[in-house]
N, C-alpha and C. Protein backbone atom coordinates (compact mmCIF):
# COMPACT_ATOMS: atom_id res chain seq x y z
N MET A 1 -167.62 30.94 33.27
CA MET A 1 -167.53 30.43 35.12
C MET A 1 -165.52 29.94 34.99
N THR A 2 -165.28 29.84 35.53
CA THR A 2 -163.76 29.54 36.13
C THR A 2 -163.81 28.34 36.99
N GLY A 3 -162.93 27.24 36.63
CA GLY A 3 -162.62 25.96 37.76
C GLY A 3 -162.15 26.18 38.77
N THR A 4 -161.41 25.15 39.03
CA THR A 4 -160.40 25.07 40.33
C THR A 4 -159.59 24.08 40.17
N PHE A 5 -158.39 25.18 40.28
CA PHE A 5 -156.99 23.99 39.68
C PHE A 5 -157.02 23.71 41.45
N VAL A 6 -156.92 22.07 41.65
CA VAL A 6 -156.10 21.28 42.96
C VAL A 6 -154.75 20.82 42.49
N ALA A 7 -154.05 21.38 43.92
CA ALA A 7 -152.33 20.84 43.51
C ALA A 7 -151.97 20.19 44.64
N VAL A 8 -151.76 19.00 44.03
CA VAL A 8 -151.33 18.07 45.01
C VAL A 8 -149.81 17.72 45.21
N VAL A 9 -149.37 17.79 46.36
CA VAL A 9 -147.77 17.93 46.17
C VAL A 9 -147.55 17.31 47.64
N GLY A 10 -146.52 16.98 47.86
CA GLY A 10 -146.04 16.06 48.80
C GLY A 10 -144.99 15.93 48.64
N PRO A 11 -143.88 15.15 49.61
CA PRO A 11 -142.37 14.49 49.11
C PRO A 11 -142.71 12.79 48.44
N SER A 12 -142.10 12.49 47.79
CA SER A 12 -142.27 11.78 47.34
C SER A 12 -142.27 9.95 48.51
N GLY A 13 -143.28 8.94 48.23
CA GLY A 13 -143.56 8.17 48.94
C GLY A 13 -144.90 8.43 49.32
N VAL A 14 -145.54 9.81 49.64
CA VAL A 14 -146.58 10.09 50.84
C VAL A 14 -147.91 9.71 49.93
N GLY A 15 -147.40 9.60 48.68
CA GLY A 15 -149.08 8.57 48.27
C GLY A 15 -149.90 9.27 47.26
N LYS A 16 -149.33 10.13 47.36
CA LYS A 16 -149.75 11.22 46.15
C LYS A 16 -151.09 11.12 45.17
N ASP A 17 -150.03 10.17 43.91
CA ASP A 17 -150.44 8.95 43.06
C ASP A 17 -151.27 8.43 43.79
N SER A 18 -151.43 7.32 44.21
CA SER A 18 -152.71 6.82 44.75
C SER A 18 -153.95 7.65 45.23
N LEU A 19 -154.08 8.28 46.16
CA LEU A 19 -155.23 9.39 46.09
C LEU A 19 -155.56 9.83 44.78
N ILE A 20 -154.66 10.28 43.87
CA ILE A 20 -155.38 11.13 42.92
C ILE A 20 -155.98 9.03 42.43
N ARG A 21 -155.00 8.92 42.16
CA ARG A 21 -156.11 7.32 41.47
C ARG A 21 -157.24 6.70 42.07
N PHE A 22 -157.77 6.89 43.63
CA PHE A 22 -158.22 6.74 43.87
C PHE A 22 -159.62 7.97 43.88
N ALA A 23 -159.07 8.92 43.88
CA ALA A 23 -160.66 10.00 43.38
C ALA A 23 -160.87 9.46 41.69
N ARG A 24 -160.33 9.03 41.24
CA ARG A 24 -159.76 8.94 39.49
C ARG A 24 -161.49 7.70 39.31
N GLU A 25 -160.92 6.93 40.32
CA GLU A 25 -161.98 5.39 40.75
C GLU A 25 -163.55 6.01 40.91
N ARG A 26 -163.24 6.69 41.56
CA ARG A 26 -164.79 7.36 42.38
C ARG A 26 -164.99 7.92 41.53
N LEU A 27 -164.69 9.10 41.04
CA LEU A 27 -165.56 10.09 40.91
C LEU A 27 -165.39 10.75 39.16
N GLY A 28 -163.97 9.65 38.61
CA GLY A 28 -164.37 9.33 36.90
C GLY A 28 -164.08 10.19 36.24
N ASP A 29 -165.30 10.81 35.57
CA ASP A 29 -165.04 12.08 34.16
C ASP A 29 -165.74 13.28 34.92
N ARG A 30 -166.17 13.29 35.97
CA ARG A 30 -166.49 14.63 36.92
C ARG A 30 -166.37 15.56 37.40
N ILE A 31 -164.20 14.87 37.62
CA ILE A 31 -163.44 15.55 37.39
C ILE A 31 -162.45 15.63 36.86
N ALA A 32 -161.47 16.91 36.11
CA ALA A 32 -160.33 16.89 35.72
C ALA A 32 -158.95 16.86 35.95
N PHE A 33 -158.32 15.14 35.93
CA PHE A 33 -157.09 14.84 36.68
C PHE A 33 -156.18 14.63 35.11
N VAL A 34 -155.46 15.46 35.58
CA VAL A 34 -153.96 15.47 34.61
C VAL A 34 -153.18 15.12 33.89
N ARG A 35 -152.85 14.03 33.25
CA ARG A 35 -151.62 12.96 33.19
C ARG A 35 -150.74 14.51 33.07
N ARG A 36 -149.21 14.25 33.87
CA ARG A 36 -148.11 15.03 33.68
C ARG A 36 -147.21 14.10 32.02
N VAL A 37 -146.60 14.71 32.08
CA VAL A 37 -145.35 14.23 31.00
C VAL A 37 -144.41 15.07 31.79
N VAL A 38 -143.71 13.49 31.64
CA VAL A 38 -142.20 14.07 32.17
C VAL A 38 -141.15 13.22 31.92
N THR A 39 -140.22 13.46 31.68
CA THR A 39 -138.57 13.46 31.21
C THR A 39 -138.14 11.99 31.33
N ARG A 40 -139.31 11.06 31.64
CA ARG A 40 -138.34 9.55 32.08
C ARG A 40 -139.39 8.36 32.01
N SER A 41 -138.98 7.43 31.45
CA SER A 41 -139.81 6.03 30.83
C SER A 41 -140.50 5.44 31.92
N ALA A 42 -141.90 5.50 31.50
CA ALA A 42 -142.91 4.46 32.15
C ALA A 42 -142.61 3.24 32.05
N ASP A 43 -142.65 2.47 33.74
CA ASP A 43 -142.28 1.55 33.86
C ASP A 43 -143.72 1.38 35.12
N GLY A 44 -143.56 0.39 35.24
CA GLY A 44 -144.95 0.07 36.60
C GLY A 44 -144.83 0.37 37.69
N ASN A 45 -143.33 0.50 38.18
CA ASN A 45 -143.60 1.18 39.83
C ASN A 45 -143.71 2.98 39.66
N ALA A 46 -143.80 3.45 38.19
CA ALA A 46 -143.96 4.45 38.31
C ALA A 46 -145.27 5.50 38.41
N GLU A 47 -145.65 6.62 38.72
CA GLU A 47 -146.54 6.99 38.25
C GLU A 47 -147.25 6.68 36.36
N ASP A 48 -148.27 7.35 36.53
CA ASP A 48 -149.47 7.25 35.20
C ASP A 48 -149.22 8.33 34.24
N HIS A 49 -147.59 8.36 33.54
CA HIS A 49 -147.41 9.84 32.57
C HIS A 49 -147.30 9.48 31.57
N ASP A 50 -147.12 10.59 30.39
CA ASP A 50 -147.16 10.39 29.59
C ASP A 50 -145.62 10.80 29.49
N THR A 51 -144.88 10.46 28.48
CA THR A 51 -143.30 10.60 28.78
C THR A 51 -142.80 11.07 27.28
N LEU A 52 -141.60 12.37 27.11
CA LEU A 52 -141.00 12.64 26.15
C LEU A 52 -139.21 12.91 26.82
N ASP A 53 -138.60 12.69 25.34
CA ASP A 53 -137.25 12.90 25.87
C ASP A 53 -136.69 14.05 26.29
N PRO A 54 -135.81 14.19 26.62
CA PRO A 54 -135.52 16.20 26.66
C PRO A 54 -135.94 16.91 25.91
N GLU A 55 -135.09 16.26 24.44
CA GLU A 55 -135.24 17.29 23.50
C GLU A 55 -136.77 17.75 23.26
N GLY A 56 -137.71 16.08 22.95
CA GLY A 56 -139.25 16.64 22.90
C GLY A 56 -139.37 17.12 23.58
N PHE A 57 -139.04 17.87 25.04
CA PHE A 57 -140.03 18.46 25.88
C PHE A 57 -139.42 19.41 26.35
N LEU A 58 -138.44 19.77 25.56
CA LEU A 58 -137.87 21.38 25.67
C LEU A 58 -138.79 22.34 24.28
N GLN A 59 -138.88 20.90 23.14
CA GLN A 59 -139.48 21.32 22.15
C GLN A 59 -141.02 21.72 21.96
N ALA A 60 -141.63 20.79 22.98
CA ALA A 60 -143.30 20.45 22.81
C ALA A 60 -143.21 22.41 24.12
N GLU A 61 -142.12 22.58 25.37
CA GLU A 61 -142.09 23.47 26.11
C GLU A 61 -141.89 24.58 25.64
N THR A 62 -141.06 24.67 24.33
CA THR A 62 -140.75 25.82 23.61
C THR A 62 -142.18 26.40 22.47
N ARG A 63 -142.82 24.91 22.18
CA ARG A 63 -144.43 25.27 21.39
C ARG A 63 -145.40 25.55 22.38
N GLY A 64 -145.17 25.92 23.91
CA GLY A 64 -145.72 26.63 24.76
C GLY A 64 -147.70 25.18 24.69
N GLU A 65 -146.56 24.39 24.73
CA GLU A 65 -147.56 23.10 24.70
C GLU A 65 -147.92 23.35 26.66
N PHE A 66 -147.41 23.26 27.75
CA PHE A 66 -147.40 23.56 28.74
C PHE A 66 -148.04 24.59 28.95
N ALA A 67 -149.32 23.82 30.18
CA ALA A 67 -149.43 25.15 31.15
C ALA A 67 -148.58 25.54 32.25
N LEU A 68 -147.89 24.69 32.89
CA LEU A 68 -146.84 24.77 33.55
C LEU A 68 -145.97 23.78 33.48
N SER A 69 -144.18 23.84 33.59
CA SER A 69 -143.32 23.19 33.44
C SER A 69 -142.18 23.31 34.77
N TRP A 70 -141.26 22.58 34.91
CA TRP A 70 -140.10 22.86 35.78
C TRP A 70 -139.55 21.42 35.76
N ALA A 71 -138.35 21.66 36.48
CA ALA A 71 -137.18 20.93 36.94
C ALA A 71 -137.32 20.40 38.19
N ALA A 72 -137.08 18.89 38.68
CA ALA A 72 -136.96 18.41 39.57
C ALA A 72 -136.23 16.81 39.85
N HIS A 73 -135.46 16.66 40.54
CA HIS A 73 -134.20 15.52 40.51
C HIS A 73 -134.25 14.66 39.39
N GLY A 74 -133.74 16.16 38.76
CA GLY A 74 -133.03 15.86 37.69
C GLY A 74 -133.81 15.24 36.19
N LEU A 75 -135.10 15.54 36.14
CA LEU A 75 -136.06 15.56 35.10
C LEU A 75 -137.12 16.53 34.92
N ARG A 76 -137.78 16.32 33.75
CA ARG A 76 -138.53 17.69 33.81
C ARG A 76 -139.61 17.02 33.65
N TYR A 77 -140.61 18.38 34.37
CA TYR A 77 -142.44 17.46 34.58
C TYR A 77 -143.30 18.95 33.90
N GLY A 78 -144.22 18.12 33.13
CA GLY A 78 -145.17 19.47 32.58
C GLY A 78 -146.40 19.26 32.30
N LEU A 79 -147.48 19.97 32.02
CA LEU A 79 -148.79 20.10 32.74
C LEU A 79 -149.04 20.76 31.72
N PRO A 80 -150.05 19.97 30.96
CA PRO A 80 -150.44 20.22 28.99
C PRO A 80 -151.47 21.42 29.13
N ALA A 81 -151.39 21.91 28.27
CA ALA A 81 -151.76 23.42 28.16
C ALA A 81 -153.37 22.83 28.27
N THR A 82 -153.50 21.99 27.77
CA THR A 82 -155.40 22.37 27.12
C THR A 82 -155.95 21.23 29.11
N LEU A 83 -155.20 21.74 30.03
CA LEU A 83 -155.79 22.11 30.85
C LEU A 83 -156.76 23.05 31.33
N GLU A 84 -156.04 24.33 30.39
CA GLU A 84 -156.58 25.53 30.28
C GLU A 84 -158.42 25.35 30.04
N HIS A 85 -158.44 24.75 29.52
CA HIS A 85 -159.42 24.53 28.50
C HIS A 85 -160.84 24.05 29.62
N GLU A 86 -160.40 23.04 30.20
CA GLU A 86 -161.15 22.32 31.58
C GLU A 86 -161.26 23.43 32.64
N LEU A 87 -160.71 24.05 32.61
CA LEU A 87 -160.42 25.38 33.98
C LEU A 87 -161.68 26.39 33.38
N ALA A 88 -161.80 26.55 32.26
CA ALA A 88 -162.40 27.66 31.27
C ALA A 88 -163.87 27.30 31.41
N SER A 89 -164.25 25.91 31.11
CA SER A 89 -165.41 24.86 31.07
C SER A 89 -165.75 24.55 32.48
N GLY A 90 -165.10 25.03 33.77
CA GLY A 90 -165.91 25.28 35.26
C GLY A 90 -165.63 23.55 36.19
N ARG A 91 -164.60 23.38 35.12
CA ARG A 91 -164.34 22.26 35.76
C ARG A 91 -162.98 22.48 37.22
N VAL A 92 -162.93 21.21 38.31
CA VAL A 92 -162.14 20.95 38.82
C VAL A 92 -161.25 19.78 37.80
N VAL A 93 -160.05 20.53 38.17
CA VAL A 93 -158.59 20.52 37.53
C VAL A 93 -157.77 20.07 38.46
N VAL A 94 -157.09 18.72 38.73
CA VAL A 94 -156.26 18.29 39.37
C VAL A 94 -155.02 17.88 38.60
N ALA A 95 -154.04 17.86 40.02
CA ALA A 95 -152.54 17.52 39.47
C ALA A 95 -151.74 17.54 40.54
N ASN A 96 -150.79 16.13 40.09
CA ASN A 96 -149.52 16.33 40.93
C ASN A 96 -148.49 17.40 40.83
N LEU A 97 -148.56 18.08 41.49
CA LEU A 97 -146.78 18.91 41.06
C LEU A 97 -146.22 19.09 42.62
N SER A 98 -144.70 19.22 41.98
CA SER A 98 -143.76 19.93 42.52
C SER A 98 -143.81 20.58 43.47
N ARG A 99 -143.52 21.00 44.65
CA ARG A 99 -143.71 21.82 46.05
C ARG A 99 -142.98 22.99 45.55
N GLY A 100 -141.69 22.90 44.63
CA GLY A 100 -140.99 23.70 44.06
C GLY A 100 -141.80 24.87 43.28
N VAL A 101 -142.80 24.71 42.64
CA VAL A 101 -143.23 25.02 41.09
C VAL A 101 -145.10 25.61 42.16
N LEU A 102 -144.86 25.99 43.58
CA LEU A 102 -145.94 26.38 44.15
C LEU A 102 -146.50 28.06 43.18
N PRO A 103 -144.95 28.70 43.74
CA PRO A 103 -145.13 29.86 43.92
C PRO A 103 -145.31 30.04 42.02
N ALA A 104 -144.97 29.55 41.18
CA ALA A 104 -145.23 29.80 40.25
C ALA A 104 -147.30 29.93 39.40
N LEU A 105 -147.42 28.76 40.28
CA LEU A 105 -148.98 27.81 39.78
C LEU A 105 -149.92 29.04 40.78
N LEU A 106 -149.24 29.28 41.98
CA LEU A 106 -150.36 30.56 42.19
C LEU A 106 -150.80 31.45 42.37
N GLN A 107 -149.33 31.90 40.89
CA GLN A 107 -149.25 33.38 40.15
C GLN A 107 -150.24 33.28 39.57
N ARG A 108 -149.90 32.24 38.90
CA ARG A 108 -150.58 32.07 37.13
C ARG A 108 -152.38 30.98 37.75
N TYR A 109 -152.38 30.67 38.65
CA TYR A 109 -154.15 30.80 39.63
C TYR A 109 -153.99 30.54 40.46
N PRO A 110 -154.22 32.06 41.22
CA PRO A 110 -154.07 32.34 42.21
C PRO A 110 -155.70 32.08 43.04
N THR A 111 -156.37 31.70 42.65
CA THR A 111 -157.30 30.68 43.06
C THR A 111 -157.40 29.14 43.65
N ALA A 112 -155.97 28.45 42.95
CA ALA A 112 -155.54 27.21 43.15
C ALA A 112 -155.83 27.02 44.79
N VAL A 113 -156.44 25.54 44.96
CA VAL A 113 -156.22 24.52 45.80
C VAL A 113 -155.49 24.20 46.30
N VAL A 114 -154.13 24.19 47.16
CA VAL A 114 -153.45 23.52 47.37
C VAL A 114 -153.13 22.48 48.21
N VAL A 115 -152.91 20.65 48.02
CA VAL A 115 -153.48 20.01 48.45
C VAL A 115 -152.00 19.32 49.07
N SER A 116 -151.99 19.06 50.63
CA SER A 116 -150.30 18.86 51.27
C SER A 116 -150.85 17.31 51.84
N VAL A 117 -150.24 16.58 51.05
CA VAL A 117 -150.71 15.15 51.76
C VAL A 117 -149.04 15.46 52.64
N VAL A 118 -149.35 14.32 53.63
CA VAL A 118 -148.30 14.03 54.08
C VAL A 118 -148.28 12.71 54.72
N ALA A 119 -147.18 12.29 55.40
CA ALA A 119 -147.33 10.77 55.92
C ALA A 119 -146.54 10.22 56.95
N GLU A 120 -146.09 9.36 58.03
CA GLU A 120 -145.01 9.03 58.28
C GLU A 120 -143.86 8.88 58.24
N ARG A 121 -143.02 9.52 59.60
CA ARG A 121 -141.04 8.54 57.83
C ARG A 121 -141.45 7.02 57.91
N ALA A 122 -141.90 6.71 58.74
CA ALA A 122 -141.20 4.96 58.48
C ALA A 122 -142.39 4.72 57.32
N VAL A 123 -143.42 5.14 56.58
CA VAL A 123 -144.38 4.61 55.99
C VAL A 123 -144.16 5.33 54.51
N ILE A 124 -143.21 5.88 54.87
CA ILE A 124 -142.88 6.89 53.02
C ILE A 124 -141.40 5.86 53.24
N ALA A 125 -140.29 5.51 54.20
CA ALA A 125 -139.65 5.11 53.95
C ALA A 125 -139.98 3.46 53.48
N GLU A 126 -141.19 2.90 53.71
CA GLU A 126 -141.30 1.62 53.63
C GLU A 126 -141.82 1.75 51.92
N ARG A 127 -142.77 2.71 51.45
CA ARG A 127 -143.17 3.37 50.35
C ARG A 127 -141.57 3.03 49.10
N LEU A 128 -141.13 3.86 49.29
CA LEU A 128 -140.27 4.21 48.57
C LEU A 128 -138.76 3.45 48.42
N LEU A 129 -138.40 1.81 49.25
CA LEU A 129 -137.89 0.77 48.97
C LEU A 129 -139.41 0.13 48.46
N ARG A 130 -140.03 0.09 48.37
CA ARG A 130 -141.32 -0.99 47.09
C ARG A 130 -141.20 -0.83 45.85
N ARG A 131 -141.00 0.28 46.02
CA ARG A 131 -141.04 0.70 44.41
C ARG A 131 -140.03 0.12 43.50
N GLY A 132 -139.10 0.12 44.77
CA GLY A 132 -137.10 -0.51 44.00
C GLY A 132 -136.71 0.07 43.18
N ARG A 133 -136.89 1.62 42.97
CA ARG A 133 -136.24 2.71 42.69
C ARG A 133 -134.70 3.10 42.92
N GLU A 134 -134.63 2.52 44.18
CA GLU A 134 -133.93 3.60 44.71
C GLU A 134 -133.37 2.28 46.05
N THR A 135 -132.17 2.47 46.33
CA THR A 135 -131.22 1.65 47.50
C THR A 135 -131.76 2.22 48.96
N ALA A 136 -131.78 1.39 50.19
CA ALA A 136 -131.73 1.66 51.41
C ALA A 136 -131.12 2.72 51.51
N ALA A 137 -129.87 2.38 51.84
CA ALA A 137 -129.04 4.08 51.53
C ALA A 137 -129.72 5.25 51.27
N SER A 138 -129.95 5.33 49.90
CA SER A 138 -130.55 6.42 48.92
C SER A 138 -131.99 6.82 49.54
N VAL A 139 -133.38 5.93 50.24
CA VAL A 139 -133.77 6.30 50.34
C VAL A 139 -133.90 7.13 51.77
N GLU A 140 -133.22 6.66 52.96
CA GLU A 140 -132.48 6.86 54.00
C GLU A 140 -131.68 8.39 53.36
N ARG A 141 -130.83 8.28 53.05
CA ARG A 141 -130.22 9.69 52.45
C ARG A 141 -131.81 11.07 51.75
N ARG A 142 -132.22 10.83 51.20
CA ARG A 142 -133.71 11.41 50.90
C ARG A 142 -134.42 11.62 52.18
N LEU A 143 -134.38 10.84 53.30
CA LEU A 143 -135.87 10.98 54.10
C LEU A 143 -135.01 12.07 55.26
N ALA A 144 -133.55 11.91 54.86
CA ALA A 144 -132.44 12.95 56.44
C ALA A 144 -132.68 14.40 55.28
N ARG A 145 -133.06 14.10 54.14
CA ARG A 145 -132.47 15.55 53.10
C ARG A 145 -134.06 16.94 54.00
N ARG A 146 -133.17 18.01 54.17
CA ARG A 146 -134.43 19.22 54.76
C ARG A 146 -134.86 19.61 53.58
N ILE A 147 -135.99 19.74 53.58
CA ILE A 147 -137.25 20.05 52.16
C ILE A 147 -136.95 21.28 52.60
N ASP A 148 -136.75 22.64 52.04
CA ASP A 148 -137.87 23.66 52.52
C ASP A 148 -138.66 23.74 51.35
N CYS A 149 -139.98 24.26 52.41
CA CYS A 149 -141.60 23.77 52.07
C CYS A 149 -142.41 25.03 52.66
N ASN A 150 -141.63 26.01 52.41
CA ASN A 150 -142.28 27.97 52.90
C ASN A 150 -142.63 27.78 51.11
N THR A 151 -142.66 27.29 49.90
CA THR A 151 -143.94 27.18 49.42
C THR A 151 -145.32 26.66 49.30
N VAL A 152 -145.17 26.36 50.27
CA VAL A 152 -146.84 25.03 50.67
C VAL A 152 -147.56 26.73 51.31
N PRO A 153 -148.40 27.07 50.96
CA PRO A 153 -149.55 28.33 51.34
C PRO A 153 -149.47 27.27 52.78
N ALA A 154 -149.98 28.36 53.96
CA ALA A 154 -150.56 28.21 55.14
C ALA A 154 -151.65 27.62 54.78
N ASN A 155 -152.77 28.25 53.84
CA ASN A 155 -154.17 27.38 53.58
C ASN A 155 -153.61 26.53 53.09
N ALA A 156 -152.86 25.20 53.35
CA ALA A 156 -153.18 24.42 52.28
C ALA A 156 -154.15 23.59 52.94
N VAL A 157 -154.79 22.56 52.27
CA VAL A 157 -155.51 21.63 53.24
C VAL A 157 -154.33 20.08 53.69
N VAL A 158 -154.11 19.77 54.69
CA VAL A 158 -153.29 19.19 54.84
C VAL A 158 -154.15 17.31 54.94
N ILE A 159 -153.56 16.11 54.68
CA ILE A 159 -154.17 14.89 54.11
C ILE A 159 -152.74 13.81 54.81
N ASP A 160 -153.44 12.98 55.79
CA ASP A 160 -152.31 12.19 56.12
C ASP A 160 -152.86 11.16 55.53
N ASN A 161 -151.64 10.77 54.87
CA ASN A 161 -152.17 9.26 54.43
C ASN A 161 -150.22 8.55 54.32
N SER A 162 -150.52 8.09 56.18
CA SER A 162 -150.00 7.27 56.80
C SER A 162 -150.89 6.34 56.86
N GLY A 163 -152.00 5.53 56.69
CA GLY A 163 -153.25 4.64 57.29
C GLY A 163 -153.75 3.90 55.84
N GLU A 164 -154.47 3.54 56.18
CA GLU A 164 -154.86 3.06 54.81
C GLU A 164 -155.33 4.12 54.59
N LEU A 165 -155.43 3.43 52.63
CA LEU A 165 -155.55 4.46 51.43
C LEU A 165 -157.30 4.76 51.40
N ALA A 166 -157.92 4.30 51.84
CA ALA A 166 -159.39 4.14 51.83
C ALA A 166 -159.63 6.29 53.30
N VAL A 167 -159.02 5.76 53.86
CA VAL A 167 -159.57 7.23 54.52
C VAL A 167 -158.82 8.24 54.25
N ALA A 168 -157.79 8.35 54.09
CA ALA A 168 -157.12 9.45 53.05
C ALA A 168 -158.24 9.84 51.91
N GLY A 169 -158.11 8.76 51.13
CA GLY A 169 -158.88 8.70 49.81
C GLY A 169 -160.24 9.45 50.27
N THR A 170 -161.12 8.87 50.93
CA THR A 170 -162.31 9.69 50.89
C THR A 170 -162.06 10.68 51.40
N GLN A 171 -161.56 11.17 52.02
CA GLN A 171 -161.03 12.69 53.01
C GLN A 171 -160.84 13.67 51.41
N PHE A 172 -160.16 12.92 50.32
CA PHE A 172 -159.78 13.84 49.50
C PHE A 172 -161.06 13.85 48.46
N VAL A 173 -161.35 12.75 48.19
CA VAL A 173 -162.77 12.67 47.44
C VAL A 173 -163.82 13.67 47.70
N ARG A 174 -163.79 13.68 49.20
CA ARG A 174 -165.06 14.77 49.51
C ARG A 174 -165.02 16.10 49.83
N LEU A 175 -163.12 16.66 49.53
CA LEU A 175 -163.05 17.62 49.31
C LEU A 175 -163.35 18.03 48.10
N LEU A 176 -162.42 17.13 46.79
CA LEU A 176 -162.65 17.62 44.97
C LEU A 176 -164.72 17.36 45.28
N GLN A 177 -165.57 16.75 45.65
CA GLN A 177 -166.96 16.57 45.61
C GLN A 177 -167.16 17.94 46.06
N GLU A 178 -166.70 18.60 47.06
CA GLU A 178 -167.18 19.66 47.69
C GLU A 178 -166.80 21.19 46.39
N LEU A 179 -165.88 20.96 45.94
CA LEU A 179 -165.10 22.15 44.70
C LEU A 179 -165.70 21.96 43.82
N GLY A 180 -166.40 21.00 43.36
CA GLY A 180 -167.12 20.47 41.84
C GLY A 180 -168.43 20.78 42.53
N ARG A 181 -169.27 20.49 43.55
CA ARG A 181 -170.36 20.75 44.00
C ARG A 181 -170.74 19.38 43.05
N LEU A 182 -170.53 18.40 43.91
CA LEU A 182 -170.98 17.64 43.01
C LEU A 182 -171.85 16.73 44.33
């Protein structure tokens, strides 16, 4: 039996990690939620992830420890190869991915479901400022930047996370329950 890979994508500040956390709290270990490996130190304002320095990341990548890896925003990201065991056992596997890695994901996992999280511009700006990692000017530059979203497939499931987390979170949980036949 083959499981389903669920890729959660969207620009910084739309609440991808919040949606994943909401679903994890409600579904527990019935769904496999993948922790990314990132070349950024963990802090209270960042996503829950495992950290490697750039050299350690390159070594892990060379040893084949990642199912997928990519570069974005000056950092390296990887998904542990152990997710392959979860998929092989028929589980739903959820991971936060950069939109730019979607072509590689869909080549490796052609039946993957892409969840594109969106939010209103003002909501994203407020969330990014609340993180405290960027100045108001850098947030404005980020929001003004046009990102080529041609990598997001037309059949992606779109979840608007502009309002209360419970609304978008419940929609995401229902999707995962349906995919996992829970």
